[in-house]
PDB file of N, CA and C in Angstrom:
ATOM      1  N   MET A   1      -0.750 -69.780-120.237  1.00  0.00           N
ATOM      2  CA  MET A   1      -0.999 -71.040-120.914  1.00  0.00           C
ATOM      3  C   MET A   1      -0.248 -72.152-120.183  1.00  0.00           C
ATOM      4  N   LEU A   2      -0.923 -73.277-120.012  1.00  0.00           N
ATOM      5  CA  LEU A   2      -0.321 -74.428-119.346  1.00  0.00           C
ATOM      6  C   LEU A   2      -0.113 -75.577-120.325  1.00  0.00           C
ATOM      7  N   LYS A   3       1.033 -76.226-120.196  1.00  0.00           N
ATOM      8  CA  LYS A   3       1.357 -77.390-121.019  1.00  0.00           C
ATOM      9  C   LYS A   3       1.872 -78.495-120.108  1.00  0.00           C
ATOM     10  N   LEU A   4       1.895 -79.702-120.641  1.00  0.00           N
ATOM     11  CA  LEU A   4       2.456 -80.854-119.934  1.00  0.00           C
ATOM     12  C   LEU A   4       3.616 -81.414-120.725  1.00  0.00           C
ATOM     13  N   LYS A   5       4.609 -81.938-119.997  1.00  0.00           N
ATOM     14  CA  LYS A   5       5.745 -82.547-120.686  1.00  0.00           C
ATOM     15  C   LYS A   5       6.461 -83.506-119.742  1.00  0.00           C
ATOM     16  N   SER A   6       6.882 -84.609-120.290  1.00  0.00           N
ATOM     17  CA  SER A   6       7.653 -85.577-119.514  1.00  0.00           C
ATOM     18  C   SER A   6       9.059 -85.038-119.266  1.00  0.00           C
ATOM     19  N   ALA A   7       9.593 -85.353-118.114  1.00  0.00           N
ATOM     20  CA  ALA A   7      10.970 -84.974-117.790  1.00  0.00           C
ATOM     21  C   ALA A   7      11.961 -85.674-118.713  1.00  0.00           C
ATOM     22  N   TYR A   8      11.507 -86.724-119.380  1.00  0.00           N
ATOM     23  CA  TYR A   8      12.383 -87.493-120.265  1.00  0.00           C
ATOM     24  C   TYR A   8      12.355 -86.978-121.703  1.00  0.00           C
ATOM     25  N   GLU A   9      11.498 -86.005-121.979  1.00  0.00           N
ATOM     26  CA  GLU A   9      11.481 -85.360-123.290  1.00  0.00           C
ATOM     27  C   GLU A   9      12.497 -84.224-123.280  1.00  0.00           C
ATOM     28  N   HIS A  10      12.990 -83.885-124.453  1.00  0.00           N
ATOM     29  CA  HIS A  10      13.987 -82.821-124.557  1.00  0.00           C
ATOM     30  C   HIS A  10      13.390 -81.459-124.211  1.00  0.00           C
ATOM     31  N   TYR A  11      14.184 -80.663-123.524  1.00  0.00           N
ATOM     32  CA  TYR A  11      13.832 -79.279-123.226  1.00  0.00           C
ATOM     33  C   TYR A  11      13.779 -78.487-124.524  1.00  0.00           C
ATOM     34  N   GLU A  12      12.813 -77.577-124.610  1.00  0.00           N
ATOM     35  CA  GLU A  12      12.713 -76.645-125.734  1.00  0.00           C
ATOM     36  C   GLU A  12      12.419 -75.262-125.163  1.00  0.00           C
ATOM     37  N   GLU A  13      12.925 -74.244-125.811  1.00  0.00           N
ATOM     38  CA  GLU A  13      12.671 -72.881-125.332  1.00  0.00           C
ATOM     39  C   GLU A  13      11.187 -72.577-125.265  1.00  0.00           C
ATOM     40  N   SER A  14      10.413 -73.198-126.154  1.00  0.00           N
ATOM     41  CA  SER A  14       8.967 -72.969-126.179  1.00  0.00           C
ATOM     42  C   SER A  14       8.260 -73.541-124.949  1.00  0.00           C
ATOM     43  N   ASP A  15       8.995 -74.283-124.112  1.00  0.00           N
ATOM     44  CA  ASP A  15       8.414 -74.793-122.865  1.00  0.00           C
ATOM     45  C   ASP A  15       8.124 -73.662-121.887  1.00  0.00           C
ATOM     46  N   GLY A  16       8.810 -72.549-122.044  1.00  0.00           N
ATOM     47  CA  GLY A  16       8.616 -71.453-121.106  1.00  0.00           C
ATOM     48  C   GLY A  16       9.165 -71.804-119.733  1.00  0.00           C
ATOM     49  N   TYR A  17       8.419 -71.458-118.706  1.00  0.00           N
ATOM     50  CA  TYR A  17       8.810 -71.688-117.309  1.00  0.00           C
ATOM     51  C   TYR A  17       8.427 -73.117-116.938  1.00  0.00           C
ATOM     52  N   ARG A  18       9.406 -73.915-116.549  1.00  0.00           N
ATOM     53  CA  ARG A  18       9.176 -75.346-116.297  1.00  0.00           C
ATOM     54  C   ARG A  18       9.071 -75.630-114.801  1.00  0.00           C
ATOM     55  N   ILE A  19       7.945 -76.239-114.417  1.00  0.00           N
ATOM     56  CA  ILE A  19       7.693 -76.563-113.016  1.00  0.00           C
ATOM     57  C   ILE A  19       7.584 -78.078-112.874  1.00  0.00           C
ATOM     58  N   LEU A  20       8.469 -78.651-112.094  1.00  0.00           N
ATOM     59  CA  LEU A  20       8.397 -80.076-111.787  1.00  0.00           C
ATOM     60  C   LEU A  20       7.327 -80.263-110.714  1.00  0.00           C
ATOM     61  N   VAL A  21       6.334 -81.119-110.995  1.00  0.00           N
ATOM     62  CA  VAL A  21       5.202 -81.285-110.081  1.00  0.00           C
ATOM     63  C   VAL A  21       5.177 -82.683-109.450  1.00  0.00           C
ATOM     64  N   ASP A  22       6.328 -83.291-109.327  1.00  0.00           N
ATOM     65  CA  ASP A  22       6.469 -84.605-108.692  1.00  0.00           C
ATOM     66  C   ASP A  22       7.142 -84.458-107.334  1.00  0.00           C
ATOM     67  N   ARG A  23       6.845 -85.385-106.453  1.00  0.00           N
ATOM     68  CA  ARG A  23       7.469 -85.395-105.130  1.00  0.00           C
ATOM     69  C   ARG A  23       8.924 -85.855-105.215  1.00  0.00           C
ATOM     70  N   LEU A  24       9.207 -86.753-106.166  1.00  0.00           N
ATOM     71  CA  LEU A  24      10.550 -87.309-106.329  1.00  0.00           C
ATOM     72  C   LEU A  24      11.183 -86.786-107.613  1.00  0.00           C
ATOM     73  N   TRP A  25      12.506 -86.595-107.575  1.00  0.00           N
ATOM     74  CA  TRP A  25      13.230 -86.157-108.767  1.00  0.00           C
ATOM     75  C   TRP A  25      13.224 -87.299-109.796  1.00  0.00           C
ATOM     76  N   PRO A  26      13.057 -86.991-111.090  1.00  0.00           N
ATOM     77  CA  PRO A  26      13.035 -88.036-112.124  1.00  0.00           C
ATOM     78  C   PRO A  26      14.347 -88.817-112.177  1.00  0.00           C
ATOM     79  N   ARG A  27      14.233 -90.122-112.174  1.00  0.00           N
ATOM     80  CA  ARG A  27      15.419 -90.987-112.215  1.00  0.00           C
ATOM     81  C   ARG A  27      16.213 -90.783-113.494  1.00  0.00           C
ATOM     82  N   GLY A  28      17.524 -90.667-113.320  1.00  0.00           N
ATOM     83  CA  GLY A  28      18.415 -90.593-114.465  1.00  0.00           C
ATOM     84  C   GLY A  28      18.416 -89.269-115.204  1.00  0.00           C
ATOM     85  N   VAL A  29      17.760 -88.257-114.664  1.00  0.00           N
ATOM     86  CA  VAL A  29      17.697 -86.948-115.319  1.00  0.00           C
ATOM     87  C   VAL A  29      18.502 -85.957-114.482  1.00  0.00           C
ATOM     88  N   SER A  30      19.540 -85.403-115.081  1.00  0.00           N
ATOM     89  CA  SER A  30      20.357 -84.427-114.357  1.00  0.00           C
ATOM     90  C   SER A  30      19.604 -83.102-114.244  1.00  0.00           C
ATOM     91  N   LYS A  31      19.988 -82.312-113.276  1.00  0.00           N
ATOM     92  CA  LYS A  31      19.364 -80.998-113.117  1.00  0.00           C
ATOM     93  C   LYS A  31      19.607 -80.134-114.350  1.00  0.00           C
ATOM     94  N   GLN A  32      20.784 -80.281-114.932  1.00  0.00           N
ATOM     95  CA  GLN A  32      21.108 -79.503-116.127  1.00  0.00           C
ATOM     96  C   GLN A  32      20.208 -79.904-117.294  1.00  0.00           C
ATOM     97  N   LYS A  33      20.024 -81.183-117.494  1.00  0.00           N
ATOM     98  CA  LYS A  33      19.198 -81.664-118.609  1.00  0.00           C
ATOM     99  C   LYS A  33      17.722 -81.337-118.393  1.00  0.00           C
ATOM    100  N   ALA A  34      17.286 -81.342-117.141  1.00  0.00           N
ATOM    101  CA  ALA A  34      15.866 -81.141-116.836  1.00  0.00           C
ATOM    102  C   ALA A  34      15.391 -79.708-117.077  1.00  0.00           C
ATOM    103  N   HIS A  35      16.285 -78.737-116.919  1.00  0.00           N
ATOM    104  CA  HIS A  35      15.916 -77.322-117.081  1.00  0.00           C
ATOM    105  C   HIS A  35      14.684 -76.963-116.245  1.00  0.00           C
ATOM    106  N   ILE A  36      14.689 -77.348-114.991  1.00  0.00           N
ATOM    107  CA  ILE A  36      13.555 -77.065-114.108  1.00  0.00           C
ATOM    108  C   ILE A  36      13.762 -75.697-113.462  1.00  0.00           C
ATOM    109  N   ASP A  37      12.759 -74.834-113.602  1.00  0.00           N
ATOM    110  CA  ASP A  37      12.824 -73.506-112.996  1.00  0.00           C
ATOM    111  C   ASP A  37      12.320 -73.519-111.552  1.00  0.00           C
ATOM    112  N   LEU A  38      11.380 -74.414-111.273  1.00  0.00           N
ATOM    113  CA  LEU A  38      10.804 -74.498-109.932  1.00  0.00           C
ATOM    114  C   LEU A  38      10.367 -75.934-109.679  1.00  0.00           C
ATOM    115  N   TRP A  39      10.749 -76.462-108.538  1.00  0.00           N
ATOM    116  CA  TRP A  39      10.312 -77.799-108.136  1.00  0.00           C
ATOM    117  C   TRP A  39       9.235 -77.591-107.081  1.00  0.00           C
ATOM    118  N   LEU A  40       7.989 -77.804-107.452  1.00  0.00           N
ATOM    119  CA  LEU A  40       6.854 -77.530-106.583  1.00  0.00           C
ATOM    120  C   LEU A  40       6.291 -78.853-106.044  1.00  0.00           C
ATOM    121  N   LYS A  41       7.053 -79.462-105.148  1.00  0.00           N
ATOM    122  CA  LYS A  41       6.671 -80.756-104.554  1.00  0.00           C
ATOM    123  C   LYS A  41       5.321 -80.667-103.852  1.00  0.00           C
ATOM    124  N   GLU A  42       5.008 -79.491-103.374  1.00  0.00           N
ATOM    125  CA  GLU A  42       3.803 -79.305-102.559  1.00  0.00           C
ATOM    126  C   GLU A  42       2.511 -79.630-103.307  1.00  0.00           C
ATOM    127  N   VAL A  43       2.521 -79.570-104.636  1.00  0.00           N
ATOM    128  CA  VAL A  43       1.298 -79.878-105.392  1.00  0.00           C
ATOM    129  C   VAL A  43       1.255 -81.325-105.864  1.00  0.00           C
ATOM    130  N   SER A  44       2.253 -82.092-105.502  1.00  0.00           N
ATOM    131  CA  SER A  44       2.252 -83.507-105.884  1.00  0.00           C
ATOM    132  C   SER A  44       1.341 -84.285-104.928  1.00  0.00           C
ATOM    133  N   PRO A  45       0.881 -85.447-105.358  1.00  0.00           N
ATOM    134  CA  PRO A  45       0.047 -86.262-104.459  1.00  0.00           C
ATOM    135  C   PRO A  45       0.847 -86.698-103.228  1.00  0.00           C
ATOM    136  N   SER A  46       0.143 -86.945-102.156  1.00  0.00           N
ATOM    137  CA  SER A  46       0.803 -87.452-100.951  1.00  0.00           C
ATOM    138  C   SER A  46       1.467 -88.789-101.267  1.00  0.00           C
ATOM    139  N   SER A  47       2.454 -89.132-100.484  1.00  0.00           N
ATOM    140  CA  SER A  47       3.133 -90.420-100.680  1.00  0.00           C
ATOM    141  C   SER A  47       2.144 -91.573-100.576  1.00  0.00           C
ATOM    142  N   GLU A  48       1.212 -91.467 -99.647  1.00  0.00           N
ATOM    143  CA  GLU A  48       0.217 -92.523 -99.473  1.00  0.00           C
ATOM    144  C   GLU A  48      -0.628 -92.692-100.733  1.00  0.00           C
ATOM    145  N   LEU A  49      -1.087 -91.578-101.290  1.00  0.00           N
ATOM    146  CA  LEU A  49      -1.919 -91.641-102.495  1.00  0.00           C
ATOM    147  C   LEU A  49      -1.111 -92.147-103.684  1.00  0.00           C
ATOM    148  N   ARG A  50       0.097 -91.664-103.811  1.00  0.00           N
ATOM    149  CA  ARG A  50       0.959 -92.099-104.921  1.00  0.00           C
ATOM    150  C   ARG A  50       1.187 -93.607-104.864  1.00  0.00           C
ATOM    151  N   LYS A  51       1.471 -94.108-103.680  1.00  0.00           N
ATOM    152  CA  LYS A  51       1.701 -95.555-103.531  1.00  0.00           C
ATOM    153  C   LYS A  51       0.422 -96.350-103.770  1.00  0.00           C
ATOM    154  N   TRP A  52      -0.714 -95.834-103.303  1.00  0.00           N
ATOM    155  CA  TRP A  52      -1.989 -96.517-103.520  1.00  0.00           C
ATOM    156  C   TRP A  52      -2.295 -96.623-105.016  1.00  0.00           C
ATOM    157  N   TYR A  53      -2.112 -95.519-105.731  1.00  0.00           N
ATOM    158  CA  TYR A  53      -2.425 -95.491-107.169  1.00  0.00           C
ATOM    159  C   TYR A  53      -1.494 -96.413-107.954  1.00  0.00           C
ATOM    160  N   ALA A  54      -0.215 -96.316-107.719  1.00  0.00           N
ATOM    161  CA  ALA A  54       0.802 -97.162-108.364  1.00  0.00           C
ATOM    162  C   ALA A  54       0.614 -97.262-109.880  1.00  0.00           C
ATOM    163  N   HIS A  55       0.134 -96.190-110.492  1.00  0.00           N
ATOM    164  CA  HIS A  55      -0.082 -96.108-111.946  1.00  0.00           C
ATOM    165  C   HIS A  55      -0.965 -97.226-112.478  1.00  0.00           C
ATOM    166  N   ASP A  56      -1.914 -97.649-111.645  1.00  0.00           N
ATOM    167  CA  ASP A  56      -2.918 -98.631-112.050  1.00  0.00           C
ATOM    168  C   ASP A  56      -4.060 -97.850-112.696  1.00  0.00           C
ATOM    169  N   GLU A  57      -4.117 -97.869-114.013  1.00  0.00           N
ATOM    170  CA  GLU A  57      -5.079 -97.042-114.738  1.00  0.00           C
ATOM    171  C   GLU A  57      -6.529 -97.355-114.378  1.00  0.00           C
ATOM    172  N   ALA A  58      -6.789 -98.537-113.838  1.00  0.00           N
ATOM    173  CA  ALA A  58      -8.142 -98.877-113.389  1.00  0.00           C
ATOM    174  C   ALA A  58      -8.553 -98.006-112.197  1.00  0.00           C
ATOM    175  N   LYS A  59      -7.582 -97.437-111.499  1.00  0.00           N
ATOM    176  CA  LYS A  59      -7.846 -96.586-110.333  1.00  0.00           C
ATOM    177  C   LYS A  59      -7.864 -95.094-110.686  1.00  0.00           C
ATOM    178  N   TRP A  60      -7.740 -94.746-111.963  1.00  0.00           N
ATOM    179  CA  TRP A  60      -7.561 -93.366-112.389  1.00  0.00           C
ATOM    180  C   TRP A  60      -8.636 -92.417-111.842  1.00  0.00           C
ATOM    181  N   GLU A  61      -9.901 -92.742-112.026  1.00  0.00           N
ATOM    182  CA  GLU A  61     -10.967 -91.831-111.588  1.00  0.00           C
ATOM    183  C   GLU A  61     -10.946 -91.642-110.070  1.00  0.00           C
ATOM    184  N   GLU A  62     -10.734 -92.707-109.337  1.00  0.00           N
ATOM    185  CA  GLU A  62     -10.663 -92.601-107.877  1.00  0.00           C
ATOM    186  C   GLU A  62      -9.407 -91.833-107.452  1.00  0.00           C
ATOM    187  N   PHE A  63      -8.306 -92.049-108.171  1.00  0.00           N
ATOM    188  CA  PHE A  63      -7.079 -91.295-107.890  1.00  0.00           C
ATOM    189  C   PHE A  63      -7.341 -89.803-108.037  1.00  0.00           C
ATOM    190  N   LYS A  64      -7.968 -89.410-109.148  1.00  0.00           N
ATOM    191  CA  LYS A  64      -8.244 -87.988-109.374  1.00  0.00           C
ATOM    192  C   LYS A  64      -9.113 -87.424-108.253  1.00  0.00           C
ATOM    193  N   LYS A  65     -10.136 -88.147-107.876  1.00  0.00           N
ATOM    194  CA  LYS A  65     -11.024 -87.678-106.806  1.00  0.00           C
ATOM    195  C   LYS A  65     -10.237 -87.430-105.521  1.00  0.00           C
ATOM    196  N   ARG A  66      -9.426 -88.385-105.137  1.00  0.00           N
ATOM    197  CA  ARG A  66      -8.632 -88.251-103.904  1.00  0.00           C
ATOM    198  C   ARG A  66      -7.585 -87.138-104.029  1.00  0.00           C
ATOM    199  N   TYR A  67      -6.958 -87.049-105.192  1.00  0.00           N
ATOM    200  CA  TYR A  67      -5.942 -86.018-105.425  1.00  0.00           C
ATOM    201  C   TYR A  67      -6.582 -84.634-105.399  1.00  0.00           C
ATOM    202  N   PHE A  68      -7.734 -84.482-106.033  1.00  0.00           N
ATOM    203  CA  PHE A  68      -8.423 -83.198-106.025  1.00  0.00           C
ATOM    204  C   PHE A  68      -8.777 -82.788-104.595  1.00  0.00           C
ATOM    205  N   ASP A  69      -9.145 -83.759-103.767  1.00  0.00           N
ATOM    206  CA  ASP A  69      -9.412 -83.455-102.351  1.00  0.00           C
ATOM    207  C   ASP A  69      -8.153 -82.924-101.666  1.00  0.00           C
ATOM    208  N   GLU A  70      -7.009 -83.517-101.981  1.00  0.00           N
ATOM    209  CA  GLU A  70      -5.744 -83.026-101.410  1.00  0.00           C
ATOM    210  C   GLU A  70      -5.425 -81.619-101.905  1.00  0.00           C
ATOM    211  N   LEU A  71      -5.698 -81.360-103.167  1.00  0.00           N
ATOM    212  CA  LEU A  71      -5.358 -80.061-103.754  1.00  0.00           C
ATOM    213  C   LEU A  71      -6.178 -78.915-103.164  1.00  0.00           C
ATOM    214  N   LYS A  72      -7.324 -79.210-102.617  1.00  0.00           N
ATOM    215  CA  LYS A  72      -8.159 -78.164-102.003  1.00  0.00           C
ATOM    216  C   LYS A  72      -7.419 -77.446-100.880  1.00  0.00           C
ATOM    217  N   ASN A  73      -6.462 -78.122-100.274  1.00  0.00           N
ATOM    218  CA  ASN A  73      -5.692 -77.539 -99.169  1.00  0.00           C
ATOM    219  C   ASN A  73      -4.357 -76.947 -99.624  1.00  0.00           C
ATOM    220  N   LYS A  74      -4.170 -76.819-100.925  1.00  0.00           N
ATOM    221  CA  LYS A  74      -2.880 -76.346-101.442  1.00  0.00           C
ATOM    222  C   LYS A  74      -3.034 -75.109-102.320  1.00  0.00           C
ATOM    223  N   LYS A  75      -4.032 -74.297-101.999  1.00  0.00           N
ATOM    224  CA  LYS A  75      -4.347 -73.127-102.814  1.00  0.00           C
ATOM    225  C   LYS A  75      -3.144 -72.206-103.015  1.00  0.00           C
ATOM    226  N   GLU A  76      -2.384 -71.968-101.961  1.00  0.00           N
ATOM    227  CA  GLU A  76      -1.259 -71.031-102.080  1.00  0.00           C
ATOM    228  C   GLU A  76      -0.238 -71.504-103.115  1.00  0.00           C
ATOM    229  N   PHE A  77      -0.059 -72.814-103.242  1.00  0.00           N
ATOM    230  CA  PHE A  77       0.895 -73.345-104.210  1.00  0.00           C
ATOM    231  C   PHE A  77       0.302 -73.366-105.619  1.00  0.00           C
ATOM    232  N   LEU A  78      -0.996 -73.635-105.710  1.00  0.00           N
ATOM    233  CA  LEU A  78      -1.664 -73.579-107.007  1.00  0.00           C
ATOM    234  C   LEU A  78      -1.652 -72.152-107.539  1.00  0.00           C
ATOM    235  N   ASP A  79      -1.780 -71.185-106.639  1.00  0.00           N
ATOM    236  CA  ASP A  79      -1.749 -69.779-107.045  1.00  0.00           C
ATOM    237  C   ASP A  79      -0.407 -69.399-107.669  1.00  0.00           C
ATOM    238  N   ILE A  80       0.664 -70.026-107.238  1.00  0.00           N
ATOM    239  CA  ILE A  80       1.981 -69.773-107.842  1.00  0.00           C
ATOM    240  C   ILE A  80       1.933 -70.120-109.326  1.00  0.00           C
ATOM    241  N   ILE A  81       1.350 -71.260-109.636  1.00  0.00           N
ATOM    242  CA  ILE A  81       1.233 -71.693-111.035  1.00  0.00           C
ATOM    243  C   ILE A  81       0.326 -70.741-111.802  1.00  0.00           C
ATOM    244  N   LEU A  82      -0.829 -70.433-111.234  1.00  0.00           N
ATOM    245  CA  LEU A  82      -1.800 -69.580-111.920  1.00  0.00           C
ATOM    246  C   LEU A  82      -1.270 -68.176-112.173  1.00  0.00           C
ATOM    247  N   GLU A  83      -0.572 -67.607-111.205  1.00  0.00           N
ATOM    248  CA  GLU A  83      -0.020 -66.261-111.376  1.00  0.00           C
ATOM    249  C   GLU A  83       1.000 -66.228-112.512  1.00  0.00           C
ATOM    250  N   ARG A  84       1.880 -67.198-112.540  1.00  0.00           N
ATOM    251  CA  ARG A  84       2.891 -67.245-113.603  1.00  0.00           C
ATOM    252  C   ARG A  84       2.249 -67.481-114.962  1.00  0.00           C
ATOM    253  N   ALA A  85       1.195 -68.288-114.989  1.00  0.00           N
ATOM    254  CA  ALA A  85       0.537 -68.630-116.254  1.00  0.00           C
ATOM    255  C   ALA A  85      -0.178 -67.436-116.881  1.00  0.00           C
ATOM    256  N   LYS A  86      -0.408 -66.391-116.108  1.00  0.00           N
ATOM    257  CA  LYS A  86      -1.048 -65.191-116.657  1.00  0.00           C
ATOM    258  C   LYS A  86      -0.148 -64.493-117.665  1.00  0.00           C
ATOM    259  N   ASN A  87       1.169 -64.585-117.455  1.00  0.00           N
ATOM    260  CA  ASN A  87       2.109 -63.798-118.251  1.00  0.00           C
ATOM    261  C   ASN A  87       3.066 -64.606-119.107  1.00  0.00           C
ATOM    262  N   GLN A  88       3.054 -65.927-118.956  1.00  0.00           N
ATOM    263  CA  GLN A  88       4.018 -66.722-119.707  1.00  0.00           C
ATOM    264  C   GLN A  88       3.535 -68.163-119.852  1.00  0.00           C
ATOM    265  N   ILE A  89       4.192 -68.872-120.720  1.00  0.00           N
ATOM    266  CA  ILE A  89       3.906 -70.294-120.891  1.00  0.00           C
ATOM    267  C   ILE A  89       4.490 -71.040-119.703  1.00  0.00           C
ATOM    268  N   ILE A  90       3.686 -71.924-119.135  1.00  0.00           N
ATOM    269  CA  ILE A  90       4.118 -72.771-118.028  1.00  0.00           C
ATOM    270  C   ILE A  90       4.029 -74.215-118.494  1.00  0.00           C
ATOM    271  N   THR A  91       5.102 -74.956-118.316  1.00  0.00           N
ATOM    272  CA  THR A  91       5.090 -76.386-118.612  1.00  0.00           C
ATOM    273  C   THR A  91       5.211 -77.139-117.302  1.00  0.00           C
ATOM    274  N   LEU A  92       4.188 -77.948-117.022  1.00  0.00           N
ATOM    275  CA  LEU A  92       4.214 -78.814-115.849  1.00  0.00           C
ATOM    276  C   LEU A  92       4.956 -80.083-116.242  1.00  0.00           C
ATOM    277  N   VAL A  93       6.031 -80.351-115.555  1.00  0.00           N
ATOM    278  CA  VAL A  93       6.917 -81.470-115.892  1.00  0.00           C
ATOM    279  C   VAL A  93       6.675 -82.613-114.910  1.00  0.00           C
ATOM    280  N   TYR A  94       6.605 -83.823-115.460  1.00  0.00           N
ATOM    281  CA  TYR A  94       6.351 -85.021-114.656  1.00  0.00           C
ATOM    282  C   TYR A  94       7.306 -86.123-115.083  1.00  0.00           C
ATOM    283  N   SER A  95       7.455 -87.146-114.245  1.00  0.00           N
ATOM    284  CA  SER A  95       8.385 -88.228-114.581  1.00  0.00           C
ATOM    285  C   SER A  95       7.699 -89.560-114.858  1.00  0.00           C
ATOM    286  N   SER A  96       6.413 -89.624-114.679  1.00  0.00           N
ATOM    287  CA  SER A  96       5.686 -90.877-114.895  1.00  0.00           C
ATOM    288  C   SER A  96       5.776 -91.325-116.352  1.00  0.00           C
ATOM    289  N   LYS A  97       5.846 -92.617-116.545  1.00  0.00           N
ATOM    290  CA  LYS A  97       5.817 -93.180-117.901  1.00  0.00           C
ATOM    291  C   LYS A  97       4.374 -93.316-118.388  1.00  0.00           C
ATOM    292  N   SER A  98       3.428 -93.285-117.455  1.00  0.00           N
ATOM    293  CA  SER A  98       2.013 -93.433-117.783  1.00  0.00           C
ATOM    294  C   SER A  98       1.421 -92.091-118.218  1.00  0.00           C
ATOM    295  N   PRO A  99       0.552 -92.102-119.231  1.00  0.00           N
ATOM    296  CA  PRO A  99      -0.108 -90.849-119.621  1.00  0.00           C
ATOM    297  C   PRO A  99      -1.135 -90.385-118.586  1.00  0.00           C
ATOM    298  N   LEU A 100      -1.591 -91.304-117.732  1.00  0.00           N
ATOM    299  CA  LEU A 100      -2.531 -90.953-116.664  1.00  0.00           C
ATOM    300  C   LEU A 100      -1.729 -90.749-115.388  1.00  0.00           C
ATOM    301  N   ASN A 101      -1.314 -89.509-115.177  1.00  0.00           N
ATOM    302  CA  ASN A 101      -0.408 -89.204-114.067  1.00  0.00           C
ATOM    303  C   ASN A 101      -0.856 -87.953-113.325  1.00  0.00           C
ATOM    304  N   ASN A 102      -0.167 -87.640-112.249  1.00  0.00           N
ATOM    305  CA  ASN A 102      -0.559 -86.505-111.422  1.00  0.00           C
ATOM    306  C   ASN A 102      -0.532 -85.171-112.168  1.00  0.00           C
ATOM    307  N   ALA A 103       0.379 -84.985-113.096  1.00  0.00           N
ATOM    308  CA  ALA A 103       0.436 -83.719-113.835  1.00  0.00           C
ATOM    309  C   ALA A 103      -0.806 -83.552-114.704  1.00  0.00           C
ATOM    310  N   LYS A 104      -1.239 -84.624-115.334  1.00  0.00           N
ATOM    311  CA  LYS A 104      -2.464 -84.579-116.143  1.00  0.00           C
ATOM    312  C   LYS A 104      -3.664 -84.247-115.257  1.00  0.00           C
ATOM    313  N   ALA A 105      -3.737 -84.884-114.096  1.00  0.00           N
ATOM    314  CA  ALA A 105      -4.827 -84.598-113.162  1.00  0.00           C
ATOM    315  C   ALA A 105      -4.736 -83.160-112.649  1.00  0.00           C
ATOM    316  N   LEU A 106      -3.531 -82.699-112.368  1.00  0.00           N
ATOM    317  CA  LEU A 106      -3.328 -81.345-111.849  1.00  0.00           C
ATOM    318  C   LEU A 106      -3.795 -80.298-112.849  1.00  0.00           C
ATOM    319  N   ILE A 107      -3.444 -80.462-114.108  1.00  0.00           N
ATOM    320  CA  ILE A 107      -3.853 -79.475-115.109  1.00  0.00           C
ATOM    321  C   ILE A 107      -5.374 -79.488-115.263  1.00  0.00           C
ATOM    322  N   GLU A 108      -5.979 -80.654-115.151  1.00  0.00           N
ATOM    323  CA  GLU A 108      -7.445 -80.749-115.198  1.00  0.00           C
ATOM    324  C   GLU A 108      -8.059 -79.998-114.013  1.00  0.00           C
ATOM    325  N   TYR A 109      -7.495 -80.173-112.846  1.00  0.00           N
ATOM    326  CA  TYR A 109      -7.985 -79.490-111.647  1.00  0.00           C
ATOM    327  C   TYR A 109      -7.868 -77.968-111.804  1.00  0.00           C
ATOM    328  N   ILE A 110      -6.729 -77.511-112.275  1.00  0.00           N
ATOM    329  CA  ILE A 110      -6.501 -76.069-112.454  1.00  0.00           C
ATOM    330  C   ILE A 110      -7.480 -75.497-113.470  1.00  0.00           C
ATOM    331  N   GLU A 111      -7.704 -76.206-114.563  1.00  0.00           N
ATOM    332  CA  GLU A 111      -8.598 -75.701-115.610  1.00  0.00           C
ATOM    333  C   GLU A 111     -10.052 -75.653-115.151  1.00  0.00           C
ATOM    334  N   ARG A 112     -10.411 -76.447-114.169  1.00  0.00           N
ATOM    335  CA  ARG A 112     -11.782 -76.436-113.630  1.00  0.00           C
ATOM    336  C   ARG A 112     -12.005 -75.280-112.671  1.00  0.00           C
ATOM    337  N   ARG A 113     -10.937 -74.697-112.138  1.00  0.00           N
ATOM    338  CA  ARG A 113     -11.064 -73.619-111.139  1.00  0.00           C
ATOM    339  C   ARG A 113     -11.619 -72.361-111.741  1.00  0.00           C
TER     340      ARG A 113
END
């Protein structure tokens, strides 16, 4: 099972295995507070795409299209998430303040596979 959660929300045991899916560490969040089990930078959008999107919700659909194209080349890292999700709860952790973020797009991509 896959879930989403902001890095700024409190950790709960029900989060299961927590994977940070951002390229950058969340500002102001200590490693202890974050309770991150795995930082999987490899599945985050490229720096170029992240900067282009800049959390402009008008670009959301185009962002997803471009991000999904990037994810096609990251199968080995996506498989890490999928394998773990077979046996336990996985929470994809993100730092964006926007609800339309890479973690939301990533979970959509995984669920379509």
